[in-house]
PDB file of all heavy atoms in Angstrom:
ATOM      1  N   TYR A   1       0.858  -1.187   0.000  1.00  0.00           N
ATOM      2  CA  TYR A   1       0.000   0.000   0.000  1.00  0.00           C
ATOM      3  C   TYR A   1       0.891   1.233   0.000  1.00  0.00           C
ATOM      4  O   TYR A   1       1.797   1.368   0.829  1.00  0.00           O
ATOM      5  CB  TYR A   1      -0.913   0.019   1.218  1.00  0.00           C
ATOM      6  CG  TYR A   1      -1.779   1.254   1.302  1.00  0.00           C
ATOM      7  CD1 TYR A   1      -2.939   1.365   0.548  1.00  0.00           C
ATOM      8  CD2 TYR A   1      -1.419   2.320   2.130  1.00  0.00           C
ATOM      9  CE1 TYR A   1      -3.717   2.500   0.618  1.00  0.00           C
ATOM     10  CE2 TYR A   1      -2.198   3.449   2.206  1.00  0.00           C
ATOM     11  CZ  TYR A   1      -3.352   3.532   1.449  1.00  0.00           C
ATOM     12  OH  TYR A   1      -4.117   4.663   1.511  1.00  0.00           O
ATOM     13  N   GLN A   2       0.633   2.131  -0.933  1.00  0.00           N
ATOM     14  CA  GLN A   2       1.451   3.333  -1.058  1.00  0.00           C
ATOM     15  C   GLN A   2       0.568   4.521  -1.389  1.00  0.00           C
ATOM     16  O   GLN A   2      -0.154   4.513  -2.385  1.00  0.00           O
ATOM     17  CB  GLN A   2       2.503   3.125  -2.156  1.00  0.00           C
ATOM     18  CG  GLN A   2       3.396   4.331  -2.390  1.00  0.00           C
ATOM     19  CD  GLN A   2       4.524   4.020  -3.344  1.00  0.00           C
ATOM     20  OE1 GLN A   2       5.460   3.320  -2.998  1.00  0.00           O
ATOM     21  NE2 GLN A   2       4.429   4.526  -4.572  1.00  0.00           N
ATOM     22  N   ASP A   3       0.613   5.507  -0.522  1.00  0.00           N
ATOM     23  CA  ASP A   3      -0.153   6.737  -0.724  1.00  0.00           C
ATOM     24  C   ASP A   3       0.607   7.859  -0.024  1.00  0.00           C
ATOM     25  O   ASP A   3       0.604   7.965   1.208  1.00  0.00           O
ATOM     26  CB  ASP A   3      -1.562   6.596  -0.151  1.00  0.00           C
ATOM     27  CG  ASP A   3      -2.454   7.758  -0.538  1.00  0.00           C
ATOM     28  OD1 ASP A   3      -1.941   8.729  -1.154  1.00  0.00           O
ATOM     29  OD2 ASP A   3      -3.663   7.719  -0.237  1.00  0.00           O
ATOM     30  N   PHE A   4       1.291   8.665  -0.799  1.00  0.00           N
ATOM     31  CA  PHE A   4       2.121   9.722  -0.220  1.00  0.00           C
ATOM     32  C   PHE A   4       1.296  10.742   0.551  1.00  0.00           C
ATOM     33  O   PHE A   4       1.694  11.193   1.626  1.00  0.00           O
ATOM     34  CB  PHE A   4       2.918  10.417  -1.323  1.00  0.00           C
ATOM     35  CG  PHE A   4       3.900   9.515  -2.013  1.00  0.00           C
ATOM     36  CD1 PHE A   4       3.650   9.034  -3.277  1.00  0.00           C
ATOM     37  CD2 PHE A   4       5.082   9.148  -1.396  1.00  0.00           C
ATOM     38  CE1 PHE A   4       4.544   8.196  -3.921  1.00  0.00           C
ATOM     39  CE2 PHE A   4       5.991   8.317  -2.026  1.00  0.00           C
ATOM     40  CZ  PHE A   4       5.718   7.835  -3.293  1.00  0.00           C
ATOM     41  N   SER A   5       0.159  11.109   0.024  1.00  0.00           N
ATOM     42  CA  SER A   5      -0.650  12.138   0.679  1.00  0.00           C
ATOM     43  C   SER A   5      -1.265  11.657   1.981  1.00  0.00           C
ATOM     44  O   SER A   5      -1.524  12.462   2.885  1.00  0.00           O
ATOM     45  CB  SER A   5      -1.755  12.613  -0.274  1.00  0.00           C
ATOM     46  OG  SER A   5      -2.598  11.526  -0.630  1.00  0.00           O
ATOM     47  N   ALA A   6      -1.520  10.352   2.113  1.00  0.00           N
ATOM     48  CA  ALA A   6      -2.157   9.819   3.320  1.00  0.00           C
ATOM     49  C   ALA A   6      -1.152   9.363   4.369  1.00  0.00           C
ATOM     50  O   ALA A   6      -1.409   9.489   5.565  1.00  0.00           O
ATOM     51  CB  ALA A   6      -3.081   8.655   2.956  1.00  0.00           C
ATOM     52  N   ASP A   7      -0.014   8.843   3.940  1.00  0.00           N
ATOM     53  CA  ASP A   7       0.950   8.255   4.881  1.00  0.00           C
ATOM     54  C   ASP A   7       2.091   9.204   5.260  1.00  0.00           C
ATOM     55  O   ASP A   7       2.562   9.172   6.394  1.00  0.00           O
ATOM     56  CB  ASP A   7       1.550   6.974   4.289  1.00  0.00           C
ATOM     57  CG  ASP A   7       0.538   5.845   4.234  1.00  0.00           C
ATOM     58  OD1 ASP A   7      -0.485   5.935   4.935  1.00  0.00           O
ATOM     59  OD2 ASP A   7       0.760   4.875   3.482  1.00  0.00           O
ATOM     60  N   ILE A   8       2.544   9.984   4.318  1.00  0.00           N
ATOM     61  CA  ILE A   8       3.747  10.782   4.533  1.00  0.00           C
ATOM     62  C   ILE A   8       3.353  12.201   4.936  1.00  0.00           C
ATOM     63  O   ILE A   8       2.452  12.799   4.324  1.00  0.00           O
ATOM     64  CB  ILE A   8       4.615  10.809   3.263  1.00  0.00           C
ATOM     65  CG1 ILE A   8       4.838   9.386   2.752  1.00  0.00           C
ATOM     66  CG2 ILE A   8       5.942  11.496   3.530  1.00  0.00           C
ATOM     67  CD1 ILE A   8       5.528   8.474   3.736  1.00  0.00           C
ATOM     68  N   PRO A   9       3.986  12.767   5.963  1.00  0.00           N
ATOM     69  CA  PRO A   9       3.713  14.171   6.305  1.00  0.00           C
ATOM     70  C   PRO A   9       4.041  15.101   5.138  1.00  0.00           C
ATOM     71  O   PRO A   9       4.871  14.791   4.278  1.00  0.00           O
ATOM     72  CB  PRO A   9       4.622  14.428   7.507  1.00  0.00           C
ATOM     73  CG  PRO A   9       4.879  13.083   8.086  1.00  0.00           C
ATOM     74  CD  PRO A   9       4.887  12.135   6.942  1.00  0.00           C
ATOM     75  N   ALA A  10       3.382  16.233   5.122  1.00  0.00           N
ATOM     76  CA  ALA A  10       3.527  17.150   3.986  1.00  0.00           C
ATOM     77  C   ALA A  10       4.964  17.648   3.836  1.00  0.00           C
ATOM     78  O   ALA A  10       5.421  17.908   2.713  1.00  0.00           O
ATOM     79  CB  ALA A  10       2.573  18.329   4.162  1.00  0.00           C
ATOM     80  N   ASP A  11       5.702  17.767   4.930  1.00  0.00           N
ATOM     81  CA  ASP A  11       7.075  18.277   4.851  1.00  0.00           C
ATOM     82  C   ASP A  11       8.021  17.295   4.176  1.00  0.00           C
ATOM     83  O   ASP A  11       9.088  17.705   3.684  1.00  0.00           O
ATOM     84  CB  ASP A  11       7.595  18.604   6.255  1.00  0.00           C
ATOM     85  CG  ASP A  11       6.793  19.708   6.907  1.00  0.00           C
ATOM     86  OD1 ASP A  11       6.161  20.491   6.166  1.00  0.00           O
ATOM     87  OD2 ASP A  11       6.784  19.781   8.155  1.00  0.00           O
ATOM     88  N   TYR A  12       7.676  16.002   4.163  1.00  0.00           N
ATOM     89  CA  TYR A  12       8.580  14.980   3.629  1.00  0.00           C
ATOM     90  C   TYR A  12       8.049  14.290   2.380  1.00  0.00           C
ATOM     91  O   TYR A  12       8.659  13.334   1.901  1.00  0.00           O
ATOM     92  CB  TYR A  12       8.849  13.921   4.706  1.00  0.00           C
ATOM     93  CG  TYR A  12       9.373  14.482   5.989  1.00  0.00           C
ATOM     94  CD1 TYR A  12       8.578  14.511   7.129  1.00  0.00           C
ATOM     95  CD2 TYR A  12      10.659  14.994   6.080  1.00  0.00           C
ATOM     96  CE1 TYR A  12       9.044  15.029   8.320  1.00  0.00           C
ATOM     97  CE2 TYR A  12      11.143  15.519   7.268  1.00  0.00           C
ATOM     98  CZ  TYR A  12      10.324  15.538   8.383  1.00  0.00           C
ATOM     99  OH  TYR A  12      10.801  16.059   9.562  1.00  0.00           O
ATOM    100  N   GLN A  13       6.929  14.746   1.873  1.00  0.00           N
ATOM    101  CA  GLN A  13       6.373  14.105   0.682  1.00  0.00           C
ATOM    102  C   GLN A  13       7.278  14.280  -0.528  1.00  0.00           C
ATOM    103  O   GLN A  13       7.482  13.339  -1.311  1.00  0.00           O
ATOM    104  CB  GLN A  13       4.977  14.660   0.393  1.00  0.00           C
ATOM    105  CG  GLN A  13       3.921  14.226   1.400  1.00  0.00           C
ATOM    106  CD  GLN A  13       2.549  14.757   1.072  1.00  0.00           C
ATOM    107  OE1 GLN A  13       2.343  15.348   0.000  1.00  0.00           O
ATOM    108  NE2 GLN A  13       1.607  14.576   1.980  1.00  0.00           N
ATOM    109  N   ARG A  14       7.857  15.446  -0.683  1.00  0.00           N
ATOM    110  CA  ARG A  14       8.732  15.688  -1.828  1.00  0.00           C
ATOM    111  C   ARG A  14       9.967  14.791  -1.779  1.00  0.00           C
ATOM    112  O   ARG A  14      10.359  14.192  -2.781  1.00  0.00           O
ATOM    113  CB  ARG A  14       9.156  17.159  -1.862  1.00  0.00           C
ATOM    114  CG  ARG A  14      10.131  17.491  -2.999  1.00  0.00           C
ATOM    115  CD  ARG A  14      10.495  18.967  -2.999  1.00  0.00           C
ATOM    116  NE  ARG A  14      11.506  19.262  -4.022  1.00  0.00           N
ATOM    117  CZ  ARG A  14      12.805  19.137  -3.846  1.00  0.00           C
ATOM    118  NH1 ARG A  14      13.267  18.720  -2.662  1.00  0.00           N
ATOM    119  NH2 ARG A  14      13.655  19.424  -4.818  1.00  0.00           N
ATOM    120  N   ILE A  15      10.571  14.661  -0.590  1.00  0.00           N
ATOM    121  CA  ILE A  15      11.755  13.815  -0.452  1.00  0.00           C
ATOM    122  C   ILE A  15      11.414  12.365  -0.756  1.00  0.00           C
ATOM    123  O   ILE A  15      12.143  11.663  -1.469  1.00  0.00           O
ATOM    124  CB  ILE A  15      12.336  13.951   0.969  1.00  0.00           C
ATOM    125  CG1 ILE A  15      12.742  15.397   1.239  1.00  0.00           C
ATOM    126  CG2 ILE A  15      13.508  13.011   1.171  1.00  0.00           C
ATOM    127  CD1 ILE A  15      13.223  15.635   2.655  1.00  0.00           C
ATOM    128  N   CYS A  16      10.282  11.891  -0.221  1.00  0.00           N
ATOM    129  CA  CYS A  16       9.898  10.497  -0.429  1.00  0.00           C
ATOM    130  C   CYS A  16       9.596  10.225  -1.903  1.00  0.00           C
ATOM    131  O   CYS A  16       9.972   9.179  -2.438  1.00  0.00           O
ATOM    132  CB  CYS A  16       8.684  10.173   0.440  1.00  0.00           C
ATOM    133  SG  CYS A  16       8.336   8.412   0.589  1.00  0.00           S
ATOM    134  N   LYS A  17       8.965  11.166  -2.574  1.00  0.00           N
ATOM    135  CA  LYS A  17       8.688  10.995  -4.007  1.00  0.00           C
ATOM    136  C   LYS A  17       9.979  10.985  -4.819  1.00  0.00           C
ATOM    137  O   LYS A  17      10.123  10.189  -5.766  1.00  0.00           O
ATOM    138  CB  LYS A  17       7.762  12.111  -4.502  1.00  0.00           C
ATOM    139  CG  LYS A  17       6.331  11.986  -3.999  1.00  0.00           C
ATOM    140  CD  LYS A  17       5.479  13.121  -4.532  1.00  0.00           C
ATOM    141  CE  LYS A  17       4.048  13.020  -4.033  1.00  0.00           C
ATOM    142  NZ  LYS A  17       3.195  14.126  -4.542  1.00  0.00           N
ATOM    143  N   MET A  18      10.940  11.834  -4.456  1.00  0.00           N
ATOM    144  CA  MET A  18      12.202  11.848  -5.174  1.00  0.00           C
ATOM    145  C   MET A  18      12.956  10.529  -5.002  1.00  0.00           C
ATOM    146  O   MET A  18      13.584  10.018  -5.944  1.00  0.00           O
ATOM    147  CB  MET A  18      13.062  13.020  -4.699  1.00  0.00           C
ATOM    148  CG  MET A  18      12.491  14.385  -5.064  1.00  0.00           C
ATOM    149  SD  MET A  18      12.413  14.654  -6.858  1.00  0.00           S
ATOM    150  CE  MET A  18      14.163  14.690  -7.261  1.00  0.00           C
ATOM    151  N   LEU A  19      12.902   9.939  -3.835  1.00  0.00           N
ATOM    152  CA  LEU A  19      13.522   8.631  -3.637  1.00  0.00           C
ATOM    153  C   LEU A  19      12.800   7.544  -4.418  1.00  0.00           C
ATOM    154  O   LEU A  19      13.436   6.599  -4.914  1.00  0.00           O
ATOM    155  CB  LEU A  19      13.530   8.286  -2.141  1.00  0.00           C
ATOM    156  CG  LEU A  19      14.488   9.111  -1.278  1.00  0.00           C
ATOM    157  CD1 LEU A  19      14.245   8.841   0.191  1.00  0.00           C
ATOM    158  CD2 LEU A  19      15.932   8.794  -1.647  1.00  0.00           C
ATOM    159  N   TYR A  20      11.513   7.682  -4.545  1.00  0.00           N
ATOM    160  CA  TYR A  20      10.767   6.733  -5.378  1.00  0.00           C
ATOM    161  C   TYR A  20      11.185   6.878  -6.834  1.00  0.00           C
ATOM    162  O   TYR A  20      11.379   5.864  -7.546  1.00  0.00           O
ATOM    163  CB  TYR A  20       9.269   6.972  -5.207  1.00  0.00           C
ATOM    164  CG  TYR A  20       8.402   6.098  -6.065  1.00  0.00           C
ATOM    165  CD1 TYR A  20       8.377   4.715  -5.880  1.00  0.00           C
ATOM    166  CD2 TYR A  20       7.595   6.649  -7.060  1.00  0.00           C
ATOM    167  CE1 TYR A  20       7.571   3.909  -6.667  1.00  0.00           C
ATOM    168  CE2 TYR A  20       6.783   5.846  -7.841  1.00  0.00           C
ATOM    169  CZ  TYR A  20       6.769   4.481  -7.645  1.00  0.00           C
ATOM    170  OH  TYR A  20       5.975   3.674  -8.426  1.00  0.00           O
ATOM    171  N   TYR A  21      11.349   8.109  -7.305  1.00  0.00           N
ATOM    172  CA  TYR A  21      11.819   8.318  -8.681  1.00  0.00           C
ATOM    173  C   TYR A  21      13.250   7.811  -8.855  1.00  0.00           C
ATOM    174  O   TYR A  21      13.614   7.315  -9.933  1.00  0.00           O
ATOM    175  CB  TYR A  21      11.738   9.803  -9.038  1.00  0.00           C
ATOM    176  CG  TYR A  21      10.335  10.360  -9.000  1.00  0.00           C
ATOM    177  CD1 TYR A  21      10.095  11.710  -8.678  1.00  0.00           C
ATOM    178  CD2 TYR A  21       9.231   9.554  -9.258  1.00  0.00           C
ATOM    179  CE1 TYR A  21       8.809  12.218  -8.639  1.00  0.00           C
ATOM    180  CE2 TYR A  21       7.948  10.059  -9.211  1.00  0.00           C
ATOM    181  CZ  TYR A  21       7.744  11.383  -8.900  1.00  0.00           C
ATOM    182  OH  TYR A  21       6.467  11.894  -8.854  1.00  0.00           O
ATOM    183  N   LEU A  22      14.060   7.922  -7.802  1.00  0.00           N
ATOM    184  CA  LEU A  22      15.426   7.398  -7.866  1.00  0.00           C
ATOM    185  C   LEU A  22      15.406   5.878  -8.012  1.00  0.00           C
ATOM    186  O   LEU A  22      16.216   5.313  -8.762  1.00  0.00           O
ATOM    187  CB  LEU A  22      16.195   7.804  -6.614  1.00  0.00           C
ATOM    188  CG  LEU A  22      17.640   7.311  -6.522  1.00  0.00           C
ATOM    189  CD1 LEU A  22      18.478   7.862  -7.681  1.00  0.00           C
ATOM    190  CD2 LEU A  22      18.265   7.705  -5.188  1.00  0.00           C
ATOM    191  N   TRP A  23      14.497   5.217  -7.329  1.00  0.00           N
ATOM    192  CA  TRP A  23      14.387   3.758  -7.501  1.00  0.00           C
ATOM    193  C   TRP A  23      13.953   3.419  -8.923  1.00  0.00           C
ATOM    194  O   TRP A  23      14.460   2.459  -9.518  1.00  0.00           O
ATOM    195  CB  TRP A  23      13.390   3.193  -6.497  1.00  0.00           C
ATOM    196  CG  TRP A  23      13.093   1.745  -6.763  1.00  0.00           C
ATOM    197  CD1 TRP A  23      13.850   0.674  -6.414  1.00  0.00           C
ATOM    198  CD2 TRP A  23      11.964   1.227  -7.489  1.00  0.00           C
ATOM    199  NE1 TRP A  23      13.284  -0.485  -6.870  1.00  0.00           N
ATOM    200  CE2 TRP A  23      12.116  -0.174  -7.532  1.00  0.00           C
ATOM    201  CE3 TRP A  23      10.861   1.803  -8.101  1.00  0.00           C
ATOM    202  CZ2 TRP A  23      11.181  -1.004  -8.155  1.00  0.00           C
ATOM    203  CZ3 TRP A  23       9.939   0.983  -8.727  1.00  0.00           C
ATOM    204  CH2 TRP A  23      10.101  -0.405  -8.750  1.00  0.00           C
ATOM    205  N   MET A  24      13.027   4.195  -9.471  1.00  0.00           N
ATOM    206  CA  MET A  24      12.609   3.952 -10.848  1.00  0.00           C
ATOM    207  C   MET A  24      13.784   4.174 -11.812  1.00  0.00           C
ATOM    208  O   MET A  24      13.973   3.393 -12.768  1.00  0.00           O
ATOM    209  CB  MET A  24      11.440   4.874 -11.201  1.00  0.00           C
ATOM    210  CG  MET A  24      10.179   4.594 -10.401  1.00  0.00           C
ATOM    211  SD  MET A  24       8.824   5.733 -10.784  1.00  0.00           S
ATOM    212  CE  MET A  24       8.501   5.314 -12.485  1.00  0.00           C
ATOM    213  N   LEU A  25      14.592   5.206 -11.569  1.00  0.00           N
ATOM    214  CA  LEU A  25      15.769   5.441 -12.397  1.00  0.00           C
ATOM    215  C   LEU A  25      16.759   4.287 -12.288  1.00  0.00           C
ATOM    216  O   LEU A  25      17.364   3.872 -13.285  1.00  0.00           O
ATOM    217  CB  LEU A  25      16.423   6.755 -11.982  1.00  0.00           C
ATOM    218  CG  LEU A  25      17.719   7.132 -12.726  1.00  0.00           C
ATOM    219  CD1 LEU A  25      17.445   7.313 -14.221  1.00  0.00           C
ATOM    220  CD2 LEU A  25      18.330   8.396 -12.132  1.00  0.00           C
ATOM    221  N   HIS A  26      16.919   3.764 -11.092  1.00  0.00           N
ATOM    222  CA  HIS A  26      17.794   2.595 -10.890  1.00  0.00           C
ATOM    223  C   HIS A  26      17.303   1.403 -11.700  1.00  0.00           C
ATOM    224  O   HIS A  26      18.098   0.689 -12.348  1.00  0.00           O
ATOM    225  CB  HIS A  26      17.847   2.265  -9.398  1.00  0.00           C
ATOM    226  CG  HIS A  26      18.488   0.951  -9.084  1.00  0.00           C
ATOM    227  ND1 HIS A  26      17.750  -0.169  -8.771  1.00  0.00           N
ATOM    228  CD2 HIS A  26      19.790   0.575  -9.031  1.00  0.00           C
ATOM    229  CE1 HIS A  26      18.567  -1.183  -8.532  1.00  0.00           C
ATOM    230  NE2 HIS A  26      19.812  -0.748  -8.681  1.00  0.00           N
ATOM    231  N   SER A  27      15.996   1.152 -11.676  1.00  0.00           N
ATOM    232  CA  SER A  27      15.450   0.026 -12.437  1.00  0.00           C
ATOM    233  C   SER A  27      15.626   0.234 -13.939  1.00  0.00           C
ATOM    234  O   SER A  27      15.971  -0.706 -14.679  1.00  0.00           O
ATOM    235  CB  SER A  27      13.967  -0.155 -12.090  1.00  0.00           C
ATOM    236  OG  SER A  27      13.794  -0.348 -10.704  1.00  0.00           O
ATOM    237  N   ILE A  28      15.413   1.458 -14.408  1.00  0.00           N
ATOM    238  CA  ILE A  28      15.585   1.738 -15.841  1.00  0.00           C
ATOM    239  C   ILE A  28      17.047   1.571 -16.242  1.00  0.00           C
ATOM    240  O   ILE A  28      17.362   1.060 -17.327  1.00  0.00           O
ATOM    241  CB  ILE A  28      15.068   3.156 -16.157  1.00  0.00           C
ATOM    242  CG1 ILE A  28      13.557   3.225 -15.951  1.00  0.00           C
ATOM    243  CG2 ILE A  28      15.431   3.545 -17.581  1.00  0.00           C
ATOM    244  CD1 ILE A  28      12.992   4.625 -16.060  1.00  0.00           C
ATOM    245  N   THR A  29      17.973   1.965 -15.355  1.00  0.00           N
ATOM    246  CA  THR A  29      19.400   1.805 -15.643  1.00  0.00           C
ATOM    247  C   THR A  29      19.764   0.334 -15.788  1.00  0.00           C
ATOM    248  O   THR A  29      20.526  -0.058 -16.688  1.00  0.00           O
ATOM    249  CB  THR A  29      20.235   2.463 -14.545  1.00  0.00           C
ATOM    250  OG1 THR A  29      19.856   3.823 -14.402  1.00  0.00           O
ATOM    251  CG2 THR A  29      21.718   2.375 -14.866  1.00  0.00           C
ATOM    252  N   LEU A  30      19.230  -0.518 -14.912  1.00  0.00           N
ATOM    253  CA  LEU A  30      19.491  -1.953 -15.024  1.00  0.00           C
ATOM    254  C   LEU A  30      18.895  -2.522 -16.308  1.00  0.00           C
ATOM    255  O   LEU A  30      19.492  -3.399 -16.945  1.00  0.00           O
ATOM    256  CB  LEU A  30      18.914  -2.679 -13.806  1.00  0.00           C
ATOM    257  CG  LEU A  30      19.614  -2.425 -12.469  1.00  0.00           C
ATOM    258  CD1 LEU A  30      18.870  -3.143 -11.346  1.00  0.00           C
ATOM    259  CD2 LEU A  30      21.060  -2.884 -12.518  1.00  0.00           C
ATOM    260  N   LEU A  31      17.741  -2.013 -16.721  1.00  0.00           N
ATOM    261  CA  LEU A  31      17.154  -2.466 -17.980  1.00  0.00           C
ATOM    262  C   LEU A  31      18.019  -2.047 -19.170  1.00  0.00           C
ATOM    263  O   LEU A  31      18.247  -2.841 -20.106  1.00  0.00           O
ATOM    264  CB  LEU A  31      15.737  -1.914 -18.113  1.00  0.00           C
ATOM    265  CG  LEU A  31      14.987  -2.279 -19.404  1.00  0.00           C
ATOM    266  CD1 LEU A  31      14.825  -3.792 -19.534  1.00  0.00           C
ATOM    267  CD2 LEU A  31      13.627  -1.588 -19.437  1.00  0.00           C
ATOM    268  N   LEU A  32      18.509  -0.811 -19.135  1.00  0.00           N
ATOM    269  CA  LEU A  32      19.388  -0.351 -20.225  1.00  0.00           C
ATOM    270  C   LEU A  32      20.692  -1.146 -20.228  1.00  0.00           C
ATOM    271  O   LEU A  32      21.239  -1.440 -21.309  1.00  0.00           O
ATOM    272  CB  LEU A  32      19.666   1.138 -20.057  1.00  0.00           C
ATOM    273  CG  LEU A  32      18.451   2.068 -20.245  1.00  0.00           C
ATOM    274  CD1 LEU A  32      18.862   3.518 -19.976  1.00  0.00           C
ATOM    275  CD2 LEU A  32      17.871   1.934 -21.647  1.00  0.00           C
ATOM    276  N   ASN A  33      21.189  -1.481 -19.060  1.00  0.00           N
ATOM    277  CA  ASN A  33      22.391  -2.318 -19.002  1.00  0.00           C
ATOM    278  C   ASN A  33      22.133  -3.687 -19.618  1.00  0.00           C
ATOM    279  O   ASN A  33      22.996  -4.244 -20.325  1.00  0.00           O
ATOM    280  CB  ASN A  33      22.840  -2.466 -17.549  1.00  0.00           C
ATOM    281  CG  ASN A  33      24.067  -3.330 -17.395  1.00  0.00           C
ATOM    282  OD1 ASN A  33      25.168  -2.957 -17.794  1.00  0.00           O
ATOM    283  ND2 ASN A  33      23.888  -4.513 -16.822  1.00  0.00           N
ATOM    284  N   LEU A  34      20.945  -4.235 -19.385  1.00  0.00           N
ATOM    285  CA  LEU A  34      20.593  -5.522 -19.996  1.00  0.00           C
ATOM    286  C   LEU A  34      20.560  -5.396 -21.521  1.00  0.00           C
ATOM    287  O   LEU A  34      21.081  -6.270 -22.249  1.00  0.00           O
ATOM    288  CB  LEU A  34      19.238  -5.986 -19.445  1.00  0.00           C
ATOM    289  CG  LEU A  34      18.752  -7.389 -19.794  1.00  0.00           C
ATOM    290  CD1 LEU A  34      17.828  -7.900 -18.697  1.00  0.00           C
ATOM    291  CD2 LEU A  34      17.986  -7.421 -21.129  1.00  0.00           C
ATOM    292  N   LEU A  35      19.970  -4.325 -22.029  1.00  0.00           N
ATOM    293  CA  LEU A  35      19.904  -4.142 -23.479  1.00  0.00           C
ATOM    294  C   LEU A  35      21.295  -3.927 -24.076  1.00  0.00           C
ATOM    295  O   LEU A  35      21.613  -4.423 -25.180  1.00  0.00           O
ATOM    296  CB  LEU A  35      18.990  -2.960 -23.803  1.00  0.00           C
ATOM    297  CG  LEU A  35      17.507  -3.131 -23.385  1.00  0.00           C
ATOM    298  CD1 LEU A  35      16.731  -1.857 -23.690  1.00  0.00           C
ATOM    299  CD2 LEU A  35      16.879  -4.326 -24.093  1.00  0.00           C
ATOM    300  N   ALA A  36      22.147  -3.196 -23.342  1.00  0.00           N
ATOM    301  CA  ALA A  36      23.506  -2.976 -23.830  1.00  0.00           C
ATOM    302  C   ALA A  36      24.287  -4.284 -23.884  1.00  0.00           C
ATOM    303  O   ALA A  36      25.023  -4.552 -24.848  1.00  0.00           O
ATOM    304  CB  ALA A  36      24.213  -1.962 -22.946  1.00  0.00           C
TER     305      ALA A  36
END
């Protein structure tokens, strides 16, 4: 279950979302490494 607006305080929502995007970037990097 993931809901930034319901679980994360407003002061830390931006940080938590950026870390989520960092994980997505990590996964995309591994996919590009596989294609390479």
